Amino acid sequence: MVFLARDRMGVKPLFFSFVGTTLLFASEIKALLRHPDVRPDVDMFGLWQLIFLSPVRLNGISIFRDIFELRPGYRAAYCKTGFQVQRYWELKAEQFTDSRETAIEKTKWLVTDAIKRQLVSDVPLCTLLSGGIDSSVVSSVAARDYARRGLTLSTYSFEYEGNKESFKSSLFQPQGDDEYAQYMADYIGSEHTILTAPTERVSDYLLKATIARDMPGQSDIDSSLLYFCEQIKKRHTVAISGECADEVFGGYPWFYRKEMLDSSFFPWVHQPMLRAELFRKSVVRPEDGYEALSEKYIELAEKFPRLDTDSETMLQSRKATWLSMSLFMTSLLERKDRMSMASSVEIRVPFADHRIVEYVYNVPWEIKFENGVEKALLRNAMASYLPEEILHRKKSPYPKTHNPRYEALVTKKLSEILGSGDSRLETILDMDSFRAFLEQDSGTWFGQLMSKPQLIAWLIQLEYWLREYNVNLLLS
């Protein structure tokens, strides 16, 4: 018998496929594709996932037709009676009986305990410190623990070449990180390093990032992390990150902007048809793809655990948490794991501790969003670990490049690809629509970071992927 199991949150990937009666499994799709009988076939539904949802994809399947994913919180056994899949963990809605003060104290204990557990290591360890509340909480708890042992914590923050001169504030990224990260590092007394990604490297690493992820992903958001992890590897093997706090504590706009959550499509996809309209309608059938994925969204959105006694705001909180954890968080975890492991760095995510998730899921939204402040529960619980300037800082996500040279570089690179006469992308792209897109300004179309330069870079990744993986598009 073969027994497989995946962690509760999807921190680590696990894929499988069948060749006849033979079960193949691996942590990365590229390993399965090495088998001569596992074909890189992508059908219409796989293509729709790429064009409408990427870098997110639906759980339980992959972009490739006959390669599947064991879902987070599931186990499987393969024996003479067949392949049996079972869920061993699930999120549960339970009546909340604690007071506000008790919720704050329990959250503080759960978070600090989860972080301290992740500090156990027999190799050099550091934390990723952006100066936002999540990474600052992790770094502050870690620094105090290190200080008690007479050690100094190492921290890293990330920046892009030319960002200070070209940064533009937005709803999703209101501030840069530099000053806050250094301020927090001084506050906790860490040995801090600011890593700056050269624009050319961010562009050149798009191919490596595609191969690391086995699909077109988050373009420069992926390639830059891959570069940063390579730099971290020179001194450290294990890093701790503040990933997953937004999904657990309610940090994204769709938690408190009801119109985003109540749309008929995934709330982090702001312009569902933007990418689809760049492709030939006869190939992509965008209306069919949108309808099929809308049905999947509506189906998934109704599965969140709830109680009959839940208020309207609590139902909204549960729904947003469920959707974020089921799809958006697993995508970010996959990105973090793939880019770090491609650099031989292990990144740990203490906010993905199932004990935190189970407790906070049932805390009333009025406590989690007290006084209209995102992640108020986390802020109140960890106030003693943070200075006021960090404690009340508005959420700002992983940084992206704002350097206009990057857009110029990727636009030139894509133009060369499309003008080569040997492009896979050109056979499916609507060139008139693409040229019109290049002439337009573009706001954020996916998540918090993906705008026009990232879409151009994503198309480069798509071309690389089609070629490097010898993808067979089954579009009939």
Protein backbone atom coordinates (compact mmCIF):
# COMPACT_ATOMS: atom_id res chain seq x y z
CA MET A 1 0.00 0.00 0.00
CA VAL A 2 1.08 3.57 -0.72
CA PHE A 3 -0.04 6.27 1.70
CA LEU A 4 -0.01 9.98 0.80
CA ALA A 5 -0.95 12.98 2.93
CA ARG A 6 -0.75 16.74 2.53
CA ASP A 7 -0.53 19.36 5.26
CA ARG A 8 -3.70 21.17 6.34
CA MET A 9 -3.03 24.54 4.67
CA GLY A 10 -1.20 23.51 1.51
CA VAL A 11 2.18 24.85 2.55
CA LYS A 12 3.82 22.06 0.55
CA PRO A 13 2.57 20.79 -2.85
CA LEU A 14 1.72 17.20 -3.77
CA PHE A 15 0.71 16.03 -7.27
CA PHE A 16 -0.10 12.63 -8.68
CA SER A 17 -1.01 10.88 -11.91
CA PHE A 18 -1.77 7.38 -13.14
CA VAL A 19 -0.15 5.45 -15.96
CA GLY A 20 -2.33 2.40 -16.26
CA THR A 21 -2.40 0.97 -12.75
CA THR A 22 0.85 2.67 -11.74
CA LEU A 23 0.58 5.60 -9.33
CA LEU A 24 3.08 8.40 -9.82
CA PHE A 25 3.46 11.18 -7.25
CA ALA A 26 5.80 14.11 -6.70
CA SER A 27 5.99 17.52 -5.09
CA GLU A 28 6.43 19.16 -8.50
CA ILE A 29 4.72 18.58 -11.83
CA LYS A 30 8.00 18.60 -13.75
CA ALA A 31 8.97 15.34 -12.01
CA LEU A 32 5.79 13.62 -13.24
CA LEU A 33 6.35 14.89 -16.77
CA ARG A 34 9.69 13.11 -16.87
CA HIS A 35 7.76 9.86 -17.22
CA PRO A 36 7.43 9.11 -20.95
CA ASP A 37 3.73 8.27 -20.65
CA VAL A 38 2.69 11.43 -18.78
CA ARG A 39 1.86 13.90 -21.51
CA PRO A 40 1.86 17.70 -21.16
CA ASP A 41 -1.73 17.96 -22.43
CA VAL A 42 -3.76 21.06 -21.61
CA ASP A 43 -7.47 21.04 -22.47
CA MET A 44 -9.86 23.97 -22.66
CA PHE A 45 -10.56 23.99 -18.93
CA GLY A 46 -6.84 24.05 -18.17
CA LEU A 47 -6.36 26.92 -20.61
CA TRP A 48 -9.29 28.81 -19.04
CA GLN A 49 -7.69 28.46 -15.62
CA LEU A 50 -4.48 29.93 -17.00
CA ILE A 51 -6.10 32.85 -18.77
CA PHE A 52 -8.74 33.78 -16.21
CA LEU A 53 -7.27 32.69 -12.86
CA SER A 54 -3.49 32.36 -13.09
CA PRO A 55 -1.48 32.43 -10.86
CA VAL A 56 -4.37 30.94 -8.86
CA ARG A 57 -5.77 27.61 -9.98
CA LEU A 58 -8.54 25.40 -8.68
CA ASN A 59 -7.65 22.87 -5.99
CA GLY A 60 -7.58 19.15 -6.69
CA ILE A 61 -6.50 19.50 -10.32
CA SER A 62 -3.66 21.09 -12.23
CA ILE A 63 -3.39 22.93 -15.54
CA PHE A 64 -2.41 19.63 -17.18
CA ARG A 65 -5.30 17.33 -18.03
CA ASP A 66 -4.23 14.07 -16.35
CA ILE A 67 -2.18 15.45 -13.47
CA PHE A 68 -4.03 15.96 -10.20
CA GLU A 69 -3.31 17.56 -6.86
CA LEU A 70 -3.93 16.11 -3.43
CA ARG A 71 -5.84 18.89 -1.68
CA PRO A 72 -4.71 20.45 1.60
CA GLY A 73 -6.06 18.53 4.57
CA TYR A 74 -6.49 15.30 2.56
CA ARG A 75 -4.84 11.90 2.62
CA ALA A 76 -4.91 9.05 0.12
CA ALA A 77 -4.16 5.35 0.10
CA TYR A 78 -3.48 3.18 -2.96
CA CYS A 79 -3.83 -0.56 -2.58
CA LYS A 80 -5.46 -3.54 -4.26
CA THR A 81 -8.95 -2.11 -3.71
CA GLY A 82 -8.10 1.11 -5.52
CA PHE A 83 -7.19 4.75 -4.80
CA GLN A 84 -9.05 6.09 -1.78
CA VAL A 85 -9.00 9.81 -0.91
CA GLN A 86 -10.24 11.10 2.45
CA ARG A 87 -10.31 14.44 4.22
CA TYR A 88 -8.58 14.29 7.61
CA TRP A 89 -8.96 17.98 8.56
CA GLU A 90 -11.55 20.64 7.80
CA LEU A 91 -12.42 24.09 9.01
CA LYS A 92 -15.41 24.10 11.36
CA ALA A 93 -17.86 26.81 12.33
CA GLU A 94 -18.42 26.85 16.07
CA GLN A 95 -20.22 29.11 18.51
CA PHE A 96 -17.89 31.75 19.92
CA THR A 97 -18.19 32.14 23.67
CA ASP A 98 -15.03 34.08 24.60
CA SER A 99 -15.01 37.77 25.44
CA ARG A 100 -13.12 40.33 23.36
CA GLU A 101 -10.33 40.43 25.93
CA THR A 102 -10.06 36.63 26.00
CA ALA A 103 -9.93 36.52 22.21
CA ILE A 104 -7.04 38.97 22.22
CA GLU A 105 -5.11 37.01 24.85
CA LYS A 106 -5.70 33.64 23.15
CA THR A 107 -4.66 35.05 19.79
CA LYS A 108 -1.49 36.47 21.30
CA TRP A 109 -0.57 33.11 22.79
CA LEU A 110 -1.39 31.17 19.62
CA VAL A 111 0.62 33.50 17.38
CA THR A 112 3.69 33.71 19.64
CA ASP A 113 3.67 29.96 20.21
CA ALA A 114 3.41 29.24 16.47
CA ILE A 115 6.35 31.56 15.73
CA LYS A 116 8.52 30.14 18.49
CA ARG A 117 7.89 26.59 17.27
CA GLN A 118 9.18 27.58 13.84
CA LEU A 119 12.42 28.97 15.30
CA VAL A 120 13.75 25.48 16.00
CA SER A 121 16.53 24.92 13.48
CA ASP A 122 20.02 23.41 13.28
CA VAL A 123 20.98 25.70 10.37
CA PRO A 124 21.21 29.51 10.06
CA LEU A 125 17.75 31.13 10.31
CA CYS A 126 16.44 34.59 9.44
CA THR A 127 13.13 36.39 9.00
CA LEU A 128 11.71 38.35 6.08
CA LEU A 129 10.88 41.85 7.35
CA SER A 130 8.95 44.26 5.15
CA GLY A 131 7.93 46.62 7.94
CA GLY A 132 4.29 45.59 7.64
CA ILE A 133 2.44 44.27 10.66
CA ASP A 134 2.66 40.57 9.73
CA SER A 135 6.40 40.35 9.12
CA SER A 136 7.05 42.73 12.02
CA VAL A 137 5.15 40.49 14.43
CA VAL A 138 7.13 37.45 13.28
CA SER A 139 10.45 39.29 13.47
CA SER A 140 9.75 40.88 16.86
CA VAL A 141 8.78 37.59 18.50
CA ALA A 142 11.80 35.89 16.93
CA ALA A 143 14.18 38.69 17.98
CA ARG A 144 13.06 38.52 21.60
CA ASP A 145 13.49 34.77 21.64
CA TYR A 146 16.97 35.11 20.13
CA ALA A 147 17.92 37.85 22.61
CA ARG A 148 17.03 35.57 25.53
CA ARG A 149 19.57 33.12 24.12
CA GLY A 150 22.19 35.81 23.63
CA LEU A 151 21.79 35.80 19.84
CA THR A 152 21.05 38.48 17.23
CA LEU A 153 18.36 37.82 14.64
CA SER A 154 19.10 38.43 10.96
CA THR A 155 16.34 40.12 8.92
CA TYR A 156 15.91 40.91 5.23
CA SER A 157 13.74 43.35 3.32
CA PHE A 158 13.24 43.55 -0.44
CA GLU A 159 13.38 46.45 -2.85
CA TYR A 160 13.66 47.01 -6.59
CA GLU A 161 16.16 49.10 -8.46
CA GLY A 162 14.71 52.54 -9.19
CA ASN A 163 11.56 52.10 -7.10
CA LYS A 164 12.09 55.12 -4.86
CA GLU A 165 11.99 57.44 -7.86
CA SER A 166 9.01 55.78 -9.60
CA PHE A 167 6.77 54.45 -6.78
CA LYS A 168 3.05 55.16 -7.21
CA SER A 169 0.63 54.83 -4.32
CA SER A 170 -2.57 52.79 -4.84
CA LEU A 171 -5.45 51.28 -2.88
CA PHE A 172 -3.59 47.99 -2.71
CA GLN A 173 -0.07 49.36 -2.17
CA PRO A 174 -0.35 52.69 -0.33
CA GLN A 175 3.27 52.89 0.87
CA GLY A 176 6.74 51.63 0.16
CA ASP A 177 8.55 49.41 2.66
CA ASP A 178 12.11 50.72 2.94
CA GLU A 179 11.80 53.16 5.81
CA TYR A 180 9.41 50.97 7.81
CA ALA A 181 11.57 47.86 7.48
CA GLN A 182 14.70 49.66 8.70
CA TYR A 183 12.75 51.35 11.50
CA MET A 184 11.43 47.98 12.70
CA ALA A 185 14.86 46.37 12.41
CA ASP A 186 16.33 49.13 14.60
CA TYR A 187 13.46 48.67 17.08
CA ILE A 188 14.09 44.94 17.55
CA GLY A 189 17.88 45.19 17.20
CA SER A 190 18.22 42.81 14.27
CA GLU A 191 21.07 42.58 11.80
CA HIS A 192 19.19 43.92 8.80
CA THR A 193 19.97 43.60 5.10
CA ILE A 194 18.12 45.36 2.29
CA LEU A 195 18.24 43.28 -0.88
CA THR A 196 17.72 45.22 -4.11
CA ALA A 197 16.73 43.41 -7.29
CA PRO A 198 18.32 44.80 -10.48
CA THR A 199 15.73 45.47 -13.18
CA GLU A 200 17.50 43.25 -15.72
CA ARG A 201 17.60 40.34 -13.29
CA VAL A 202 13.87 40.63 -12.58
CA SER A 203 13.26 40.39 -16.31
CA ASP A 204 15.84 37.68 -17.00
CA TYR A 205 14.55 35.46 -14.17
CA LEU A 206 11.07 35.17 -15.71
CA LEU A 207 12.02 31.89 -17.40
CA LYS A 208 13.57 30.41 -14.25
CA ALA A 209 10.47 31.39 -12.26
CA THR A 210 8.19 29.73 -14.81
CA ILE A 211 10.14 26.50 -14.59
CA ALA A 212 10.20 26.67 -10.80
CA ARG A 213 6.41 27.04 -10.70
CA ASP A 214 5.65 24.70 -13.64
CA MET A 215 3.30 27.31 -15.12
CA PRO A 216 3.10 31.03 -15.90
CA GLY A 217 2.72 32.62 -12.50
CA GLN A 218 3.00 36.09 -11.03
CA SER A 219 5.68 37.31 -13.46
CA ASP A 220 8.11 39.73 -11.74
CA ILE A 221 6.51 39.03 -8.34
CA ASP A 222 7.80 35.47 -8.78
CA SER A 223 11.09 36.24 -10.51
CA SER A 224 12.10 38.82 -7.93
CA LEU A 225 11.41 36.44 -5.04
CA LEU A 226 13.51 33.81 -6.79
CA TYR A 227 16.35 36.33 -7.03
CA PHE A 228 15.95 37.42 -3.40
CA CYS A 229 16.00 33.82 -2.19
CA GLU A 230 19.23 33.19 -4.07
CA GLN A 231 20.78 36.13 -2.23
CA ILE A 232 19.46 34.91 1.14
CA LYS A 233 20.93 31.46 0.47
CA LYS A 234 24.44 32.95 0.62
CA ARG A 235 24.05 33.28 4.39
CA HIS A 236 20.87 31.50 5.49
CA THR A 237 19.10 28.23 4.74
CA VAL A 238 15.82 28.81 6.61
CA ALA A 239 13.66 31.95 6.61
CA ILE A 240 10.41 32.76 8.42
CA SER A 241 7.74 34.83 6.70
CA GLY A 242 4.51 36.60 7.64
CA GLU A 243 2.56 34.99 4.80
CA CYS A 244 -1.08 33.91 5.44
CA ALA A 245 -2.01 36.51 8.09
CA ASP A 246 -4.19 38.43 5.63
CA GLU A 247 -6.26 35.36 4.79
CA VAL A 248 -6.69 34.38 8.43
CA PHE A 249 -7.24 37.80 10.04
CA GLY A 250 -9.04 39.59 7.17
CA GLY A 251 -6.50 41.86 5.53
CA TYR A 252 -7.75 41.98 1.94
CA PRO A 253 -10.26 44.51 0.57
CA TRP A 254 -12.82 41.81 -0.25
CA PHE A 255 -13.20 41.10 3.47
CA TYR A 256 -14.78 44.50 4.05
CA ARG A 257 -15.86 45.60 0.56
CA LYS A 258 -19.02 43.56 0.11
CA GLU A 259 -19.39 44.35 -3.59
CA MET A 260 -16.13 42.51 -4.30
CA LEU A 261 -17.20 39.41 -2.42
CA ASP A 262 -20.71 39.34 -3.88
CA SER A 263 -19.61 39.49 -7.51
CA SER A 264 -20.12 36.45 -9.72
CA PHE A 265 -16.38 35.92 -10.10
CA PHE A 266 -13.32 35.50 -7.91
CA PRO A 267 -12.94 38.79 -5.97
CA TRP A 268 -9.17 39.12 -6.53
CA VAL A 269 -9.71 39.11 -10.33
CA HIS A 270 -10.66 42.73 -10.95
CA GLN A 271 -10.99 42.54 -14.74
CA PRO A 272 -11.84 38.92 -15.64
CA MET A 273 -11.92 39.47 -19.40
CA LEU A 274 -8.74 41.53 -19.71
CA ARG A 275 -6.38 38.67 -20.48
CA ALA A 276 -8.99 36.63 -22.35
CA GLU A 277 -9.63 39.45 -24.81
CA LEU A 278 -5.99 39.37 -25.88
CA PHE A 279 -6.49 35.90 -27.35
CA ARG A 280 -8.30 34.76 -30.45
CA LYS A 281 -11.94 34.16 -29.60
CA SER A 282 -12.08 31.11 -31.83
CA VAL A 283 -9.30 29.56 -29.74
CA VAL A 284 -10.12 30.65 -26.20
CA ARG A 285 -13.93 30.95 -26.34
CA PRO A 286 -13.80 33.55 -23.53
CA GLU A 287 -17.55 33.69 -22.87
CA ASP A 288 -17.64 29.91 -22.31
CA GLY A 289 -14.58 30.09 -20.07
CA TYR A 290 -16.00 32.91 -17.98
CA GLU A 291 -19.30 31.08 -17.54
CA ALA A 292 -17.61 27.80 -16.57
CA LEU A 293 -15.36 29.43 -13.99
CA SER A 294 -18.16 31.62 -12.65
CA GLU A 295 -20.11 28.45 -11.93
CA LYS A 296 -17.09 27.04 -10.11
CA TYR A 297 -16.77 30.21 -8.05
CA ILE A 298 -20.44 30.28 -7.07
CA GLU A 299 -20.29 26.60 -6.15
CA LEU A 300 -17.18 27.04 -4.03
CA ALA A 301 -18.38 30.27 -2.41
CA GLU A 302 -21.39 28.48 -0.96
CA LYS A 303 -19.39 25.73 0.73
CA PHE A 304 -18.00 27.76 3.59
CA PRO A 305 -18.73 26.38 7.10
CA ARG A 306 -21.35 28.46 8.94
CA LEU A 307 -23.87 28.46 11.76
CA ASP A 308 -27.60 29.16 11.52
CA THR A 309 -27.12 31.85 14.14
CA ASP A 310 -24.40 33.76 12.21
CA SER A 311 -25.03 37.45 11.62
CA GLU A 312 -24.72 38.98 8.14
CA THR A 313 -21.28 40.37 8.92
CA MET A 314 -20.14 37.02 10.30
CA LEU A 315 -21.33 35.21 7.19
CA GLN A 316 -19.37 37.66 5.08
CA SER A 317 -16.27 37.14 7.23
CA ARG A 318 -16.53 33.38 6.99
CA LYS A 319 -17.09 33.45 3.23
CA ALA A 320 -14.11 35.75 2.62
CA THR A 321 -11.87 33.63 4.85
CA TRP A 322 -12.98 30.40 3.19
CA LEU A 323 -12.40 31.68 -0.33
CA SER A 324 -9.09 33.31 0.53
CA MET A 325 -7.71 30.24 2.24
CA SER A 326 -9.05 27.79 -0.33
CA LEU A 327 -7.55 29.49 -3.37
CA PHE A 328 -5.68 32.77 -2.92
CA MET A 329 -3.58 31.61 0.02
CA THR A 330 -2.66 28.27 -1.55
CA SER A 331 -1.42 30.16 -4.62
CA LEU A 332 0.77 32.43 -2.50
CA LEU A 333 2.07 29.45 -0.55
CA GLU A 334 2.88 27.65 -3.78
CA ARG A 335 4.77 30.70 -5.03
CA LYS A 336 6.70 31.01 -1.79
CA ASP A 337 7.58 27.31 -1.71
CA ARG A 338 8.57 27.03 -5.38
CA MET A 339 10.75 30.14 -5.54
CA SER A 340 12.46 29.41 -2.23
CA MET A 341 13.05 25.70 -2.80
CA ALA A 342 14.41 26.42 -6.29
CA SER A 343 17.05 28.40 -4.38
CA SER A 344 17.50 25.69 -1.70
CA VAL A 345 15.93 27.91 0.95
CA GLU A 346 13.15 26.73 3.27
CA ILE A 347 10.57 29.40 4.12
CA ARG A 348 8.33 28.74 7.11
CA VAL A 349 4.92 30.36 7.60
CA PRO A 350 3.78 30.34 11.26
CA PHE A 351 0.48 32.13 10.50
CA ALA A 352 -0.56 28.97 8.63
CA ASP A 353 -0.72 27.13 11.96
CA HIS A 354 -4.04 25.28 12.01
CA ARG A 355 -4.66 26.21 15.65
CA ILE A 356 -4.64 29.92 14.75
CA VAL A 357 -6.90 29.30 11.77
CA GLU A 358 -9.42 27.23 13.74
CA TYR A 359 -9.71 29.80 16.50
CA VAL A 360 -9.76 33.01 14.48
CA TYR A 361 -12.31 31.64 11.99
CA ASN A 362 -14.91 31.73 14.76
CA VAL A 363 -14.04 35.12 16.23
CA PRO A 364 -16.80 37.65 15.42
CA TRP A 365 -16.01 40.06 12.60
CA GLU A 366 -16.67 42.99 14.92
CA ILE A 367 -13.57 41.96 16.90
CA LYS A 368 -11.43 41.18 13.85
CA PHE A 369 -12.39 44.50 12.19
CA GLU A 370 -12.81 46.63 15.30
CA ASN A 371 -13.34 50.34 14.54
CA GLY A 372 -13.09 49.58 10.83
CA VAL A 373 -9.40 48.62 11.10
CA GLU A 374 -8.22 45.67 9.05
CA LYS A 375 -6.69 42.86 11.12
CA ALA A 376 -7.63 44.68 14.34
CA LEU A 377 -7.55 41.43 16.31
CA LEU A 378 -3.96 40.76 15.31
CA ARG A 379 -2.96 44.36 16.04
CA ASN A 380 -4.58 44.30 19.49
CA ALA A 381 -3.10 40.91 20.32
CA MET A 382 0.47 41.78 19.32
CA ALA A 383 0.58 45.45 20.36
CA SER A 384 3.24 44.83 22.99
CA TYR A 385 5.63 43.58 20.31
CA LEU A 386 5.33 46.58 17.96
CA PRO A 387 6.03 50.32 17.99
CA GLU A 388 3.09 52.60 17.26
CA GLU A 389 4.34 53.49 13.76
CA ILE A 390 4.21 49.83 12.73
CA LEU A 391 1.17 48.82 14.77
CA HIS A 392 -1.09 51.25 12.92
CA ARG A 393 0.50 51.00 9.50
CA LYS A 394 -1.88 50.44 6.57
CA LYS A 395 -1.45 47.06 4.88
CA SER A 396 1.11 47.05 2.08
CA PRO A 397 1.78 43.80 0.20
CA TYR A 398 4.94 42.23 -1.18
CA PRO A 399 6.59 44.94 -3.30
CA LYS A 400 6.60 45.09 -7.08
CA THR A 401 8.75 47.06 -9.45
CA HIS A 402 7.52 50.50 -10.48
CA ASN A 403 10.59 51.20 -12.58
CA PRO A 404 9.50 52.19 -16.13
CA ARG A 405 12.65 50.48 -17.42
CA TYR A 406 11.11 47.16 -16.47
CA GLU A 407 8.05 47.74 -18.63
CA ALA A 408 10.31 48.81 -21.48
CA LEU A 409 12.45 45.68 -21.08
CA VAL A 410 9.58 43.19 -21.05
CA THR A 411 7.76 44.98 -23.87
CA LYS A 412 10.90 44.77 -26.03
CA LYS A 413 11.41 41.12 -25.12
CA LEU A 414 7.80 40.20 -25.96
CA SER A 415 7.97 42.12 -29.25
CA GLU A 416 11.05 40.14 -30.21
CA ILE A 417 9.27 36.89 -29.38
CA LEU A 418 6.22 37.80 -31.45
CA GLY A 419 8.36 39.00 -34.33
CA SER A 420 10.52 35.88 -34.49
CA GLY A 421 8.17 34.02 -36.82
CA ASP A 422 8.46 30.98 -34.57
CA SER A 423 6.29 31.90 -31.59
CA ARG A 424 3.77 29.54 -30.00
CA LEU A 425 2.07 32.55 -28.46
CA GLU A 426 1.44 34.21 -31.81
CA THR A 427 -0.73 31.30 -32.92
CA ILE A 428 -3.27 31.97 -30.17
CA LEU A 429 -2.89 35.72 -29.54
CA ASP A 430 -5.18 38.29 -31.19
CA MET A 431 -2.56 40.72 -32.41
CA ASP A 432 -4.96 43.62 -32.96
CA SER A 433 -6.26 43.36 -29.40
CA PHE A 434 -2.72 43.01 -28.09
CA ARG A 435 -1.49 46.12 -29.90
CA ALA A 436 -4.48 48.08 -28.59
CA PHE A 437 -3.67 46.88 -25.06
CA LEU A 438 -0.10 48.17 -25.36
CA GLU A 439 -1.43 51.65 -26.11
CA GLN A 440 -3.59 51.77 -22.98
CA ASP A 441 -2.89 52.46 -19.35
CA SER A 442 -3.82 49.58 -17.09
CA GLY A 443 -4.81 49.51 -13.45
CA THR A 444 -4.45 46.49 -11.20
CA TRP A 445 -6.28 43.59 -12.87
CA PHE A 446 -5.41 40.78 -10.46
CA GLY A 447 -4.83 40.74 -6.72
CA GLN A 448 -2.84 43.65 -5.35
CA LEU A 449 0.14 43.78 -7.68
CA MET A 450 -0.66 42.68 -11.22
CA SER A 451 -0.94 45.57 -13.69
CA LYS A 452 0.15 46.23 -17.29
CA PRO A 453 3.89 45.41 -16.97
CA GLN A 454 3.05 42.20 -15.11
CA LEU A 455 0.63 41.12 -17.86
CA ILE A 456 3.26 41.69 -20.53
CA ALA A 457 5.72 39.66 -18.46
CA TRP A 458 3.08 36.96 -17.92
CA LEU A 459 2.74 36.59 -21.70
CA ILE A 460 6.50 36.07 -21.89
CA GLN A 461 6.17 33.38 -19.25
CA LEU A 462 3.34 31.78 -21.22
CA GLU A 463 5.53 31.59 -24.34
CA TYR A 464 8.40 30.08 -22.32
CA TRP A 465 6.05 27.54 -20.74
CA LEU A 466 4.46 26.46 -24.03
CA ARG A 467 7.91 25.86 -25.47
CA GLU A 468 9.89 24.48 -22.52
CA TYR A 469 7.15 22.03 -21.51
CA ASN A 470 6.23 21.20 -25.10
CA VAL A 471 2.60 21.81 -24.16
CA ASN A 472 -0.01 20.13 -26.31
CA LEU A 473 -3.10 22.35 -26.40
CA LEU A 474 -6.27 20.28 -26.81
CA LEU A 475 -8.67 23.00 -27.96
CA SER A 476 -11.36 21.06 -29.82
